[in-house]
C-alpha atoms as a PDB file:
ATOM      1  CA  THR A   1      -5.660  -8.874 -20.187  1.00  0.00           C
ATOM      2  CA  ALA A   2      -7.593 -11.969 -21.259  1.00  0.00           C
ATOM      3  CA  VAL A   3      -4.481 -13.479 -22.861  1.00  0.00           C
ATOM      4  CA  LEU A   4      -2.424 -12.808 -19.741  1.00  0.00           C
ATOM      5  CA  ARG A   5      -5.036 -14.298 -17.436  1.00  0.00           C
ATOM      6  CA  GLN A   6      -5.218 -17.406 -19.587  1.00  0.00           C
ATOM      7  CA  ARG A   7      -1.448 -17.878 -19.896  1.00  0.00           C
ATOM      8  CA  SER A   8      -0.418 -16.769 -16.425  1.00  0.00           C
ATOM      9  CA  PRO A   9      -3.213 -16.550 -13.826  1.00  0.00           C
ATOM     10  CA  GLN A  10      -0.804 -15.258 -11.165  1.00  0.00           C
ATOM     11  CA  TRP A  11       0.470 -12.402 -13.308  1.00  0.00           C
ATOM     12  CA  GLU A  12      -2.171  -9.835 -12.335  1.00  0.00           C
ATOM     13  CA  GLN A  13      -1.535 -10.358  -8.617  1.00  0.00           C
ATOM     14  CA  LEU A  14       2.258 -10.184  -8.811  1.00  0.00           C
ATOM     15  CA  SER A  15       2.938  -7.732 -11.630  1.00  0.00           C
ATOM     16  CA  PRO A  16       4.596  -4.416 -10.652  1.00  0.00           C
ATOM     17  CA  VAL A  17       2.330  -2.646 -13.168  1.00  0.00           C
ATOM     18  CA  THR A  18      -1.393  -3.142 -13.620  1.00  0.00           C
ATOM     19  CA  VAL A  19      -3.100  -3.139 -17.007  1.00  0.00           C
ATOM     20  CA  PRO A  20      -4.892   0.190 -16.304  1.00  0.00           C
ATOM     21  CA  ALA A  21      -1.544   1.734 -15.337  1.00  0.00           C
ATOM     22  CA  LEU A  22       0.000   0.451 -18.563  1.00  0.00           C
ATOM     23  CA  LEU A  23      -2.840   1.988 -20.558  1.00  0.00           C
ATOM     24  CA  GLU A  24      -2.221   5.270 -18.763  1.00  0.00           C
ATOM     25  CA  VAL A  25       1.540   5.157 -19.392  1.00  0.00           C
ATOM     26  CA  GLN A  26       1.406   4.504 -23.141  1.00  0.00           C
ATOM     27  CA  PRO A  27       0.218   7.930 -24.376  1.00  0.00           C
ATOM     28  CA  ARG A  28       2.798   9.643 -22.146  1.00  0.00           C
ATOM     29  CA  LEU A  29       5.753   7.866 -23.713  1.00  0.00           C
ATOM     30  CA  ALA A  30       7.986   9.851 -26.023  1.00  0.00           C
ATOM     31  CA  ALA A  31       8.634   8.586 -29.549  1.00  0.00           C
ATOM     32  CA  ASN A  32      11.960   7.043 -28.521  1.00  0.00           C
ATOM     33  CA  GLU A  33      10.708   5.501 -25.248  1.00  0.00           C
ATOM     34  CA  VAL A  34       9.652   1.943 -24.454  1.00  0.00           C
ATOM     35  CA  PHE A  35       8.070   0.591 -21.288  1.00  0.00           C
ATOM     36  CA  LEU A  36       8.923  -2.970 -20.216  1.00  0.00           C
ATOM     37  CA  SER A  37       7.481  -4.748 -17.185  1.00  0.00           C
ATOM     38  CA  PHE A  38       9.097  -8.019 -15.985  1.00  0.00           C
ATOM     39  CA  THR A  39       7.235 -10.361 -13.617  1.00  0.00           C
ATOM     40  CA  SER A  40       8.837 -13.503 -12.188  1.00  0.00           C
ATOM     41  CA  LEU A  41       6.408 -16.419 -11.760  1.00  0.00           C
ATOM     42  CA  PRO A  42       7.227 -19.938 -10.489  1.00  0.00           C
ATOM     43  CA  HIS A  43       7.977 -21.337 -13.956  1.00  0.00           C
ATOM     44  CA  GLN A  44       8.261 -18.328 -16.247  1.00  0.00           C
ATOM     45  CA  VAL A  45       9.041 -14.650 -16.619  1.00  0.00           C
ATOM     46  CA  VAL A  46       6.230 -12.617 -18.178  1.00  0.00           C
ATOM     47  CA  VAL A  47       7.211  -9.427 -20.004  1.00  0.00           C
ATOM     48  CA  VAL A  48       4.531  -6.903 -20.891  1.00  0.00           C
ATOM     49  CA  GLY A  49       5.495  -3.744 -22.699  1.00  0.00           C
ATOM     50  CA  CYS A  50       4.473  -0.940 -24.963  1.00  0.00           C
ATOM     51  CA  ASN A  51       5.662   1.967 -27.045  1.00  0.00           C
ATOM     52  CA  ARG A  52       3.577   4.770 -28.487  1.00  0.00           C
ATOM     53  CA  GLN A  53       2.202   2.539 -31.241  1.00  0.00           C
ATOM     54  CA  GLN A  54       1.633  -0.914 -29.755  1.00  0.00           C
ATOM     55  CA  PHE A  55       1.603  -3.302 -26.801  1.00  0.00           C
ATOM     56  CA  PHE A  56       3.580  -6.530 -26.714  1.00  0.00           C
ATOM     57  CA  LEU A  57       3.724  -9.675 -24.593  1.00  0.00           C
ATOM     58  CA  HIS A  58       6.528 -12.204 -24.165  1.00  0.00           C
ATOM     59  CA  THR A  59       6.795 -15.283 -21.959  1.00  0.00           C
ATOM     60  CA  ALA A  60      10.185 -16.803 -21.103  1.00  0.00           C
ATOM     61  CA  PHE A  61      10.141 -20.233 -19.494  1.00  0.00           C
ATOM     62  CA  PHE A  62      12.613 -19.876 -16.655  1.00  0.00           C
ATOM     63  CA  GLU A  63      12.210 -21.648 -13.295  1.00  0.00           C
ATOM     64  CA  ARG A  64      12.172 -19.067 -10.485  1.00  0.00           C
ATOM     65  CA  ASP A  65      14.809 -20.914  -8.433  1.00  0.00           C
ATOM     66  CA  ARG A  66      17.085 -21.074 -11.466  1.00  0.00           C
ATOM     67  CA  LEU A  67      16.503 -17.387 -12.223  1.00  0.00           C
ATOM     68  CA  GLU A  68      17.335 -16.382  -8.649  1.00  0.00           C
ATOM     69  CA  GLY A  69      20.438 -18.583  -8.783  1.00  0.00           C
ATOM     70  CA  GLN A  70      21.640 -16.909 -11.986  1.00  0.00           C
ATOM     71  CA  ILE A  71      21.094 -13.433 -10.508  1.00  0.00           C
ATOM     72  CA  ALA A  72      22.963 -14.408  -7.338  1.00  0.00           C
ATOM     73  CA  GLN A  73      25.861 -15.825  -9.390  1.00  0.00           C
ATOM     74  CA  LEU A  74      26.078 -12.662 -11.486  1.00  0.00           C
ATOM     75  CA  ARG A  75      26.050 -10.362  -8.464  1.00  0.00           C
ATOM     76  CA  GLN A  76      28.685 -12.454  -6.709  1.00  0.00           C
ATOM     77  CA  ALA A  77      30.941 -12.539  -9.777  1.00  0.00           C
ATOM     78  CA  LEU A  78      30.642  -8.773 -10.325  1.00  0.00           C
ATOM     79  CA  SER A  79      31.530  -8.074  -6.692  1.00  0.00           C
ATOM     80  CA  ARG A  80      34.949  -9.713  -7.144  1.00  0.00           C
ATOM     81  CA  PRO A  81      37.599  -8.128  -9.396  1.00  0.00           C
ATOM     82  CA  GLY A  82      38.069 -10.434 -12.364  1.00  0.00           C
ATOM     83  CA  GLY A  83      35.075 -12.563 -11.383  1.00  0.00           C
ATOM     84  CA  PRO A  84      33.665 -14.803 -14.162  1.00  0.00           C
ATOM     85  CA  TYR A  85      30.448 -12.862 -14.730  1.00  0.00           C
ATOM     86  CA  GLN A  86      30.046 -13.584 -18.469  1.00  0.00           C
ATOM     87  CA  PRO A  87      28.218 -16.961 -18.310  1.00  0.00           C
ATOM     88  CA  SER A  88      25.411 -15.668 -16.077  1.00  0.00           C
ATOM     89  CA  ALA A  89      25.303 -12.260 -17.798  1.00  0.00           C
ATOM     90  CA  ARG A  90      24.892 -13.880 -21.217  1.00  0.00           C
ATOM     91  CA  ARG A  91      22.333 -16.495 -20.134  1.00  0.00           C
ATOM     92  CA  LEU A  92      20.170 -13.817 -18.563  1.00  0.00           C
ATOM     93  CA  TYR A  93      20.543 -11.533 -21.593  1.00  0.00           C
ATOM     94  CA  ASN A  94      19.549 -14.330 -23.948  1.00  0.00           C
ATOM     95  CA  THR A  95      16.478 -15.213 -21.900  1.00  0.00           C
ATOM     96  CA  LEU A  96      15.216 -11.776 -20.896  1.00  0.00           C
ATOM     97  CA  ILE A  97      16.420  -9.323 -23.546  1.00  0.00           C
ATOM     98  CA  THR A  98      17.041 -11.050 -26.876  1.00  0.00           C
ATOM     99  CA  PRO A  99      13.311 -11.638 -27.593  1.00  0.00           C
ATOM    100  CA  LEU A 100      12.684  -7.911 -26.970  1.00  0.00           C
ATOM    101  CA  GLN A 101      15.666  -6.547 -28.866  1.00  0.00           C
ATOM    102  CA  ALA A 102      13.690  -5.462 -31.920  1.00  0.00           C
ATOM    103  CA  CYS A 103      11.433  -3.161 -29.886  1.00  0.00           C
ATOM    104  CA  SER A 104      14.036  -1.862 -27.405  1.00  0.00           C
ATOM    105  CA  GLU A 105      17.264  -1.433 -29.411  1.00  0.00           C
ATOM    106  CA  GLY A 106      18.491   2.158 -29.204  1.00  0.00           C
ATOM    107  CA  LYS A 107      15.518   3.263 -27.096  1.00  0.00           C
ATOM    108  CA  GLN A 108      15.109   4.976 -23.742  1.00  0.00           C
ATOM    109  CA  VAL A 109      13.621   2.207 -21.624  1.00  0.00           C
ATOM    110  CA  TRP A 110      11.353   2.468 -18.599  1.00  0.00           C
ATOM    111  CA  LEU A 111      11.981  -0.779 -16.739  1.00  0.00           C
ATOM    112  CA  ALA A 112       9.526  -2.192 -14.183  1.00  0.00           C
ATOM    113  CA  ALA A 113      10.603  -5.304 -12.308  1.00  0.00           C
ATOM    114  CA  GLN A 114       9.386  -7.473  -9.476  1.00  0.00           C
ATOM    115  CA  GLY A 115      10.901  -9.868  -6.955  1.00  0.00           C
ATOM    116  CA  GLN A 116      14.557 -10.773  -7.400  1.00  0.00           C
ATOM    117  CA  LEU A 117      14.554  -9.044 -10.785  1.00  0.00           C
ATOM    118  CA  LEU A 118      14.807  -5.769  -8.834  1.00  0.00           C
ATOM    119  CA  ASN A 119      18.225  -6.948  -7.637  1.00  0.00           C
ATOM    120  CA  LEU A 120      19.440  -7.766 -11.141  1.00  0.00           C
ATOM    121  CA  PRO A 121      22.271  -5.491 -12.395  1.00  0.00           C
ATOM    122  CA  TRP A 122      20.581  -4.911 -15.756  1.00  0.00           C
ATOM    123  CA  PRO A 123      23.323  -2.785 -17.395  1.00  0.00           C
ATOM    124  CA  ALA A 124      25.814  -5.653 -16.903  1.00  0.00           C
ATOM    125  CA  LEU A 125      23.835  -8.158 -18.977  1.00  0.00           C
ATOM    126  CA  GLN A 126      25.849  -9.106 -22.035  1.00  0.00           C
ATOM    127  CA  ASP A 127      24.991 -10.490 -25.457  1.00  0.00           C
ATOM    128  CA  SER A 128      26.863 -13.317 -27.174  1.00  0.00           C
ATOM    129  CA  GLN A 129      29.172 -10.813 -28.899  1.00  0.00           C
ATOM    130  CA  GLY A 130      30.297  -9.290 -25.595  1.00  0.00           C
ATOM    131  CA  LYS A 131      28.188  -6.124 -25.937  1.00  0.00           C
ATOM    132  CA  PHE A 132      26.573  -4.950 -22.713  1.00  0.00           C
ATOM    133  CA  LEU A 133      22.882  -4.118 -22.396  1.00  0.00           C
ATOM    134  CA  VAL A 134      23.787  -0.536 -21.517  1.00  0.00           C
ATOM    135  CA  GLU A 135      25.319  -0.306 -25.006  1.00  0.00           C
ATOM    136  CA  HIS A 136      22.093  -1.521 -26.665  1.00  0.00           C
ATOM    137  CA  TRP A 137      19.756   0.908 -24.910  1.00  0.00           C
ATOM    138  CA  ALA A 138      20.020   4.694 -25.149  1.00  0.00           C
ATOM    139  CA  GLY A 139      19.300   4.747 -21.421  1.00  0.00           C
ATOM    140  CA  HIS A 140      17.019   3.242 -18.823  1.00  0.00           C
ATOM    141  CA  LYS A 141      15.183   4.182 -15.653  1.00  0.00           C
ATOM    142  CA  LEU A 142      13.877   1.759 -13.085  1.00  0.00           C
ATOM    143  CA  TRP A 143      10.210   2.079 -12.165  1.00  0.00           C
ATOM    144  CA  TRP A 144      10.050   1.370  -8.427  1.00  0.00           C
ATOM    145  CA  GLY A 145       6.352   0.596  -8.450  1.00  0.00           C
ATOM    146  CA  LEU A 146       5.682   2.974  -5.550  1.00  0.00           C
ATOM    147  CA  SER A 147       2.338   4.675  -5.337  1.00  0.00           C
ATOM    148  CA  GLN A 148       3.814   8.148  -4.864  1.00  0.00           C
ATOM    149  CA  GLN A 149       4.545  10.292  -7.875  1.00  0.00           C
ATOM    150  CA  PRO A 150       7.334  12.884  -8.031  1.00  0.00           C
ATOM    151  CA  ARG A 151       6.033  16.029  -6.423  1.00  0.00           C
ATOM    152  CA  GLY A 152       7.792  18.613  -8.552  1.00  0.00           C
ATOM    153  CA  PRO A 153      11.106  19.515 -10.169  1.00  0.00           C
ATOM    154  CA  ILE A 154      14.448  18.418  -8.797  1.00  0.00           C
ATOM    155  CA  ARG A 155      15.696  21.247  -6.610  1.00  0.00           C
ATOM    156  CA  VAL A 156      18.780  21.553  -4.436  1.00  0.00           C
ATOM    157  CA  GLY A 157      17.566  24.483  -2.335  1.00  0.00           C
ATOM    158  CA  GLN A 158      18.559  24.120   1.318  1.00  0.00           C
ATOM    159  CA  ALA A 159      20.941  21.185   1.501  1.00  0.00           C
ATOM    160  CA  LEU A 160      21.741  19.048   4.526  1.00  0.00           C
ATOM    161  CA  LEU A 161      25.074  17.233   4.182  1.00  0.00           C
ATOM    162  CA  VAL A 162      25.810  14.439   6.659  1.00  0.00           C
ATOM    163  CA  ALA A 163      29.126  12.590   7.053  1.00  0.00           C
ATOM    164  CA  ALA A 164      29.217   9.800   9.634  1.00  0.00           C
ATOM    165  CA  PRO A 165      32.477   7.802   9.562  1.00  0.00           C
ATOM    166  CA  GLY A 166      31.032   5.496  12.234  1.00  0.00           C
ATOM    167  CA  GLN A 167      32.735   2.521  13.792  1.00  0.00           C
ATOM    168  CA  SER A 168      33.991   1.524  10.347  1.00  0.00           C
ATOM    169  CA  GLN A 169      36.039   4.752  10.295  1.00  0.00           C
ATOM    170  CA  LEU A 170      35.203   5.501   6.675  1.00  0.00           C
ATOM    171  CA  GLU A 171      37.933   7.850   5.534  1.00  0.00           C
ATOM    172  CA  GLY A 172      36.188   9.231   2.472  1.00  0.00           C
ATOM    173  CA  VAL A 173      32.891  10.477   3.892  1.00  0.00           C
ATOM    174  CA  ILE A 174      34.145  13.777   5.361  1.00  0.00           C
ATOM    175  CA  PRO A 175      36.205  14.779   2.250  1.00  0.00           C
ATOM    176  CA  GLU A 176      33.176  13.818   0.133  1.00  0.00           C
ATOM    177  CA  VAL A 177      30.821  16.077   2.068  1.00  0.00           C
ATOM    178  CA  ARG A 178      33.317  18.946   2.161  1.00  0.00           C
ATOM    179  CA  ALA A 179      33.720  18.721  -1.624  1.00  0.00           C
ATOM    180  CA  ILE A 180      29.937  18.876  -2.057  1.00  0.00           C
ATOM    181  CA  GLN A 181      29.719  21.780   0.384  1.00  0.00           C
ATOM    182  CA  LYS A 182      31.886  23.828  -1.994  1.00  0.00           C
ATOM    183  CA  GLN A 183      29.330  23.205  -4.746  1.00  0.00           C
ATOM    184  CA  LEU A 184      26.398  24.126  -2.498  1.00  0.00           C
ATOM    185  CA  PRO A 185      27.173  27.374  -0.670  1.00  0.00           C
ATOM    186  CA  GLY A 186      24.971  27.848   2.365  1.00  0.00           C
ATOM    187  CA  SER A 187      24.418  24.151   2.919  1.00  0.00           C
ATOM    188  CA  ARG A 188      24.226  22.817   6.469  1.00  0.00           C
ATOM    189  CA  THR A 189      26.793  20.148   7.389  1.00  0.00           C
ATOM    190  CA  LEU A 190      26.837  17.544  10.135  1.00  0.00           C
ATOM    191  CA  LEU A 191      30.323  16.040  10.360  1.00  0.00           C
ATOM    192  CA  ALA A 192      31.474  13.081  12.481  1.00  0.00           C
ATOM    193  CA  GLY A 193      30.227  13.628  16.056  1.00  0.00           C
ATOM    194  CA  GLN A 194      27.603  16.117  14.845  1.00  0.00           C
ATOM    195  CA  ALA A 195      25.970  13.453  12.678  1.00  0.00           C
ATOM    196  CA  THR A 196      23.562  12.297  15.371  1.00  0.00           C
ATOM    197  CA  ARG A 197      19.996  11.107  15.129  1.00  0.00           C
ATOM    198  CA  ALA A 198      18.752  14.169  17.025  1.00  0.00           C
ATOM    199  CA  ASN A 199      20.488  16.575  14.624  1.00  0.00           C
ATOM    200  CA  LEU A 200      19.209  14.681  11.577  1.00  0.00           C
ATOM    201  CA  LEU A 201      15.631  14.786  12.890  1.00  0.00           C
ATOM    202  CA  ARG A 202      16.025  18.478  13.697  1.00  0.00           C
ATOM    203  CA  TRP A 203      17.334  19.720  10.351  1.00  0.00           C
ATOM    204  CA  LEU A 204      15.891  17.257   7.814  1.00  0.00           C
ATOM    205  CA  PRO A 205      12.342  18.753   7.808  1.00  0.00           C
ATOM    206  CA  GLN A 206      13.913  22.096   6.823  1.00  0.00           C
ATOM    207  CA  SER A 207      15.926  20.666   3.924  1.00  0.00           C
ATOM    208  CA  ASP A 208      15.265  20.169   0.209  1.00  0.00           C
ATOM    209  CA  TRP A 209      18.313  17.976  -0.354  1.00  0.00           C
ATOM    210  CA  LEU A 210      19.861  15.322   1.907  1.00  0.00           C
ATOM    211  CA  HIS A 211      23.286  13.875   1.178  1.00  0.00           C
ATOM    212  CA  LEU A 212      24.035  11.089   3.649  1.00  0.00           C
ATOM    213  CA  ALA A 213      27.521   9.555   3.555  1.00  0.00           C
ATOM    214  CA  ALA A 214      27.790   6.771   6.097  1.00  0.00           C
ATOM    215  CA  HIS A 215      28.124   3.059   6.704  1.00  0.00           C
ATOM    216  CA  SER A 216      24.941   1.031   6.223  1.00  0.00           C
ATOM    217  CA  LYS A 217      23.968  -2.584   6.680  1.00  0.00           C
ATOM    218  CA  PHE A 218      21.385  -4.576   4.743  1.00  0.00           C
ATOM    219  CA  ASN A 219      19.944  -7.385   6.875  1.00  0.00           C
ATOM    220  CA  ARG A 220      18.430  -9.974   4.557  1.00  0.00           C
ATOM    221  CA  THR A 221      16.928 -12.149   7.289  1.00  0.00           C
ATOM    222  CA  ALA A 222      15.508  -9.318   9.429  1.00  0.00           C
ATOM    223  CA  LEU A 223      14.806  -6.463   7.036  1.00  0.00           C
ATOM    224  CA  GLN A 224      13.565  -4.047   9.690  1.00  0.00           C
ATOM    225  CA  ASN A 225      17.001  -4.302  11.327  1.00  0.00           C
ATOM    226  CA  SER A 226      18.752  -2.902   8.251  1.00  0.00           C
ATOM    227  CA  TYR A 227      20.246   0.439   9.193  1.00  0.00           C
ATOM    228  CA  VAL A 228      22.280   3.521   8.391  1.00  0.00           C
ATOM    229  CA  GLU A 229      24.960   4.121  11.025  1.00  0.00           C
ATOM    230  CA  LEU A 230      25.126   7.615  12.515  1.00  0.00           C
ATOM    231  CA  SER A 231      27.694   8.792  15.035  1.00  0.00           C
ATOM    232  CA  ASP A 232      25.474   7.864  18.005  1.00  0.00           C
ATOM    233  CA  GLY A 233      24.360   4.496  16.644  1.00  0.00           C
ATOM    234  CA  PRO A 234      22.209   2.818  14.000  1.00  0.00           C
ATOM    235  CA  LEU A 235      19.171   4.452  12.408  1.00  0.00           C
ATOM    236  CA  PRO A 236      17.104   1.362  11.484  1.00  0.00           C
ATOM    237  CA  LEU A 237      14.717   1.002   8.573  1.00  0.00           C
ATOM    238  CA  SER A 238      11.777   0.858  10.974  1.00  0.00           C
ATOM    239  CA  GLN A 239      12.532   4.456  12.008  1.00  0.00           C
ATOM    240  CA  LEU A 240      13.069   5.788   8.493  1.00  0.00           C
ATOM    241  CA  TYR A 241       9.325   5.574   7.882  1.00  0.00           C
ATOM    242  CA  ARG A 242       8.798   8.158  10.652  1.00  0.00           C
ATOM    243  CA  LEU A 243      11.061  10.818   9.163  1.00  0.00           C
ATOM    244  CA  LYS A 244       9.437  14.092   8.157  1.00  0.00           C
ATOM    245  CA  LEU A 245      10.591  15.203   4.716  1.00  0.00           C
ATOM    246  CA  ARG A 246       9.492  18.026   2.503  1.00  0.00           C
ATOM    247  CA  PRO A 247       7.473  16.602  -0.412  1.00  0.00           C
ATOM    248  CA  HIS A 248      10.061  17.626  -3.036  1.00  0.00           C
ATOM    249  CA  THR A 249      13.122  16.388  -1.103  1.00  0.00           C
ATOM    250  CA  THR A 250      15.921  14.631  -2.960  1.00  0.00           C
ATOM    251  CA  VAL A 251      17.850  12.038  -0.929  1.00  0.00           C
ATOM    252  CA  ILE A 252      21.343  10.881  -1.926  1.00  0.00           C
ATOM    253  CA  LEU A 253      22.481   7.771  -0.041  1.00  0.00           C
ATOM    254  CA  SER A 254      26.249   7.455  -0.379  1.00  0.00           C
ATOM    255  CA  SER A 255      26.313   4.163   1.455  1.00  0.00           C
ATOM    256  CA  CYS A 256      26.376   0.413   0.848  1.00  0.00           C
ATOM    257  CA  GLN A 257      23.425  -1.549  -0.545  1.00  0.00           C
ATOM    258  CA  THR A 258      20.768   1.063   0.201  1.00  0.00           C
ATOM    259  CA  ALA A 259      18.689  -0.103  -2.785  1.00  0.00           C
ATOM    260  CA  GLN A 260      19.167  -3.773  -1.901  1.00  0.00           C
ATOM    261  CA  GLY A 261      15.894  -5.047  -0.509  1.00  0.00           C
ATOM    262  CA  GLN A 262      13.569  -7.872   0.253  1.00  0.00           C
ATOM    263  CA  PRO A 263      11.038  -8.644  -2.488  1.00  0.00           C
ATOM    264  CA  GLN A 264       7.466  -9.292  -1.409  1.00  0.00           C
ATOM    265  CA  PRO A 265       5.027 -10.877  -3.877  1.00  0.00           C
ATOM    266  CA  GLY A 266       2.738  -8.233  -5.323  1.00  0.00           C
ATOM    267  CA  LYS A 267       4.284  -5.469  -3.209  1.00  0.00           C
ATOM    268  CA  ASP A 268       7.068  -2.916  -3.439  1.00  0.00           C
ATOM    269  CA  LEU A 269      10.663  -3.824  -2.744  1.00  0.00           C
ATOM    270  CA  LEU A 270      11.462  -2.766   0.814  1.00  0.00           C
ATOM    271  CA  SER A 271      14.925  -1.274   1.320  1.00  0.00           C
ATOM    272  CA  LEU A 272      16.688   1.588   3.065  1.00  0.00           C
ATOM    273  CA  GLY A 273      16.117   3.642  -0.075  1.00  0.00           C
ATOM    274  CA  SER A 274      12.395   2.908  -0.156  1.00  0.00           C
ATOM    275  CA  GLY A 275      12.240   3.849   3.535  1.00  0.00           C
ATOM    276  CA  PHE A 276      13.177   7.417   2.610  1.00  0.00           C
ATOM    277  CA  ARG A 277      10.842   7.283  -0.391  1.00  0.00           C
ATOM    278  CA  LEU A 278       7.891   6.233   1.757  1.00  0.00           C
ATOM    279  CA  SER A 279       8.724   9.056   4.173  1.00  0.00           C
ATOM    280  CA  GLY A 280       7.985  11.507   1.399  1.00  0.00           C
ATOM    281  CA  ALA A 281      11.161  11.967  -0.658  1.00  0.00           C
ATOM    282  CA  ALA A 282      10.446  12.841  -4.279  1.00  0.00           C
ATOM    283  CA  GLN A 283      13.516  10.999  -5.533  1.00  0.00           C
ATOM    284  CA  VAL A 284      16.185   8.797  -3.971  1.00  0.00           C
ATOM    285  CA  LEU A 285      19.596   7.872  -5.346  1.00  0.00           C
ATOM    286  CA  ALA A 286      20.598   4.551  -3.796  1.00  0.00           C
ATOM    287  CA  THR A 287      23.093   1.723  -4.336  1.00  0.00           C
ATOM    288  CA  LEU A 288      22.675  -1.978  -5.093  1.00  0.00           C
ATOM    289  CA  TRP A 289      26.265  -2.765  -4.131  1.00  0.00           C
ATOM    290  CA  PRO A 290      28.874  -2.474  -1.403  1.00  0.00           C
ATOM    291  CA  VAL A 291      30.425   0.933  -2.121  1.00  0.00           C
ATOM    292  CA  ASP A 292      34.172   1.478  -2.327  1.00  0.00           C
ATOM    293  CA  ASP A 293      35.119   4.475  -0.178  1.00  0.00           C
ATOM    294  CA  GLN A 294      37.221   6.327  -2.771  1.00  0.00           C
ATOM    295  CA  ALA A 295      34.952   5.471  -5.708  1.00  0.00           C
ATOM    296  CA  SER A 296      32.059   6.845  -3.680  1.00  0.00           C
ATOM    297  CA  VAL A 297      33.845  10.193  -3.296  1.00  0.00           C
ATOM    298  CA  GLU A 298      34.488  10.416  -7.043  1.00  0.00           C
ATOM    299  CA  PHE A 299      30.942   9.489  -8.022  1.00  0.00           C
ATOM    300  CA  PHE A 300      28.788  11.240  -5.455  1.00  0.00           C
ATOM    301  CA  THR A 301      30.576  14.581  -5.566  1.00  0.00           C
ATOM    302  CA  SER A 302      29.196  14.991  -9.099  1.00  0.00           C
ATOM    303  CA  THR A 303      25.536  14.593  -8.112  1.00  0.00           C
ATOM    304  CA  PRO A 304      24.679  18.213  -7.144  1.00  0.00           C
ATOM    305  CA  ASN A 305      25.901  19.650 -10.453  1.00  0.00           C
ATOM    306  CA  SER A 306      24.168  16.840 -12.364  1.00  0.00           C
ATOM    307  CA  ALA A 307      20.908  17.641 -10.593  1.00  0.00           C
ATOM    308  CA  LYS A 308      21.209  21.336 -11.409  1.00  0.00           C
ATOM    309  CA  GLU A 309      21.503  20.420 -15.094  1.00  0.00           C
ATOM    310  CA  SER A 310      18.583  17.947 -15.026  1.00  0.00           C
ATOM    311  CA  PRO A 311      15.255  19.004 -16.477  1.00  0.00           C
ATOM    312  CA  SER A 312      12.210  19.010 -14.236  1.00  0.00           C
ATOM    313  CA  LEU A 313      10.343  15.733 -14.057  1.00  0.00           C
ATOM    314  CA  PRO A 314       6.781  15.961 -15.367  1.00  0.00           C
ATOM    315  CA  PRO A 315       4.126  15.070 -12.787  1.00  0.00           C
ATOM    316  CA  SER A 316       3.192  11.932 -14.749  1.00  0.00           C
ATOM    317  CA  THR A 317       6.720  10.562 -14.745  1.00  0.00           C
ATOM    318  CA  PRO A 318       7.153   7.466 -12.541  1.00  0.00           C
ATOM    319  CA  PRO A 319       9.835   7.430  -9.829  1.00  0.00           C
ATOM    320  CA  ALA A 320      13.288   6.437 -11.057  1.00  0.00           C
ATOM    321  CA  ALA A 321      16.262   4.900  -9.317  1.00  0.00           C
ATOM    322  CA  SER A 322      19.819   4.992 -10.565  1.00  0.00           C
ATOM    323  CA  SER A 323      22.335   2.360  -9.596  1.00  0.00           C
END
């Protein structure tokens, strides 16, 4: 702590993980796990980490504006088929990952990030030999930094499946929900005109699992106006905080950019996904990207069976987001 305060006085205020939390995490790590916390400061990125045996500290001198520009370039390139993502992916890998390669290679990595680093597509970072980060790590989970802890094992239980084609007339949402319904006998479905705000508010408190397939909009300039579109209109972020969820509820958001959010210094990333999390969901599966309709059907129809095969999360395990 003394070294960090001397090198980077702002670190303690902005870091997604406090020193006491890091001390609490270390003994809970498995032998093949590593915890890495990335904090973006005006002129540097501070990385604090640990495994079962030791703590480590790394400082990368990287102007914040330049870092945000590189992340924006990478996201833009990846969103276009054939986009030239390699220059940004390799610069970011070299700056953020190469110095930590010895302690993270082949490991399961808990990754805590802050600011624009939460919007970085980490698996797409690439080394100078063309090998992706996802090929270097055995796996990774993103620590959201939220105060809530998972409230029990992943359970499907009573499922509520919602398909709202909306004004965008999404063709895949109804086939997606019907395919999931076959995997979850007894689930309740709200299709097209049934997918109203009133019906969602009525049935959600009685559900253990919410699958919401709909159009959504991330509003960067007015975050509270970000919304999920139901059949009778938008459900804005400001209203997600008022939802009543069972404490063990799993929420699957088959929709565009539901994990995309607005960073706030020293605070959690606010997004549509975190809106459900703050309403009490134990875990949320959300997206950083615009979602292709057909690809969404192929991917999200596998989530119920994957959840059934997942082990229970221990109470000490921090919340994870997949993207």
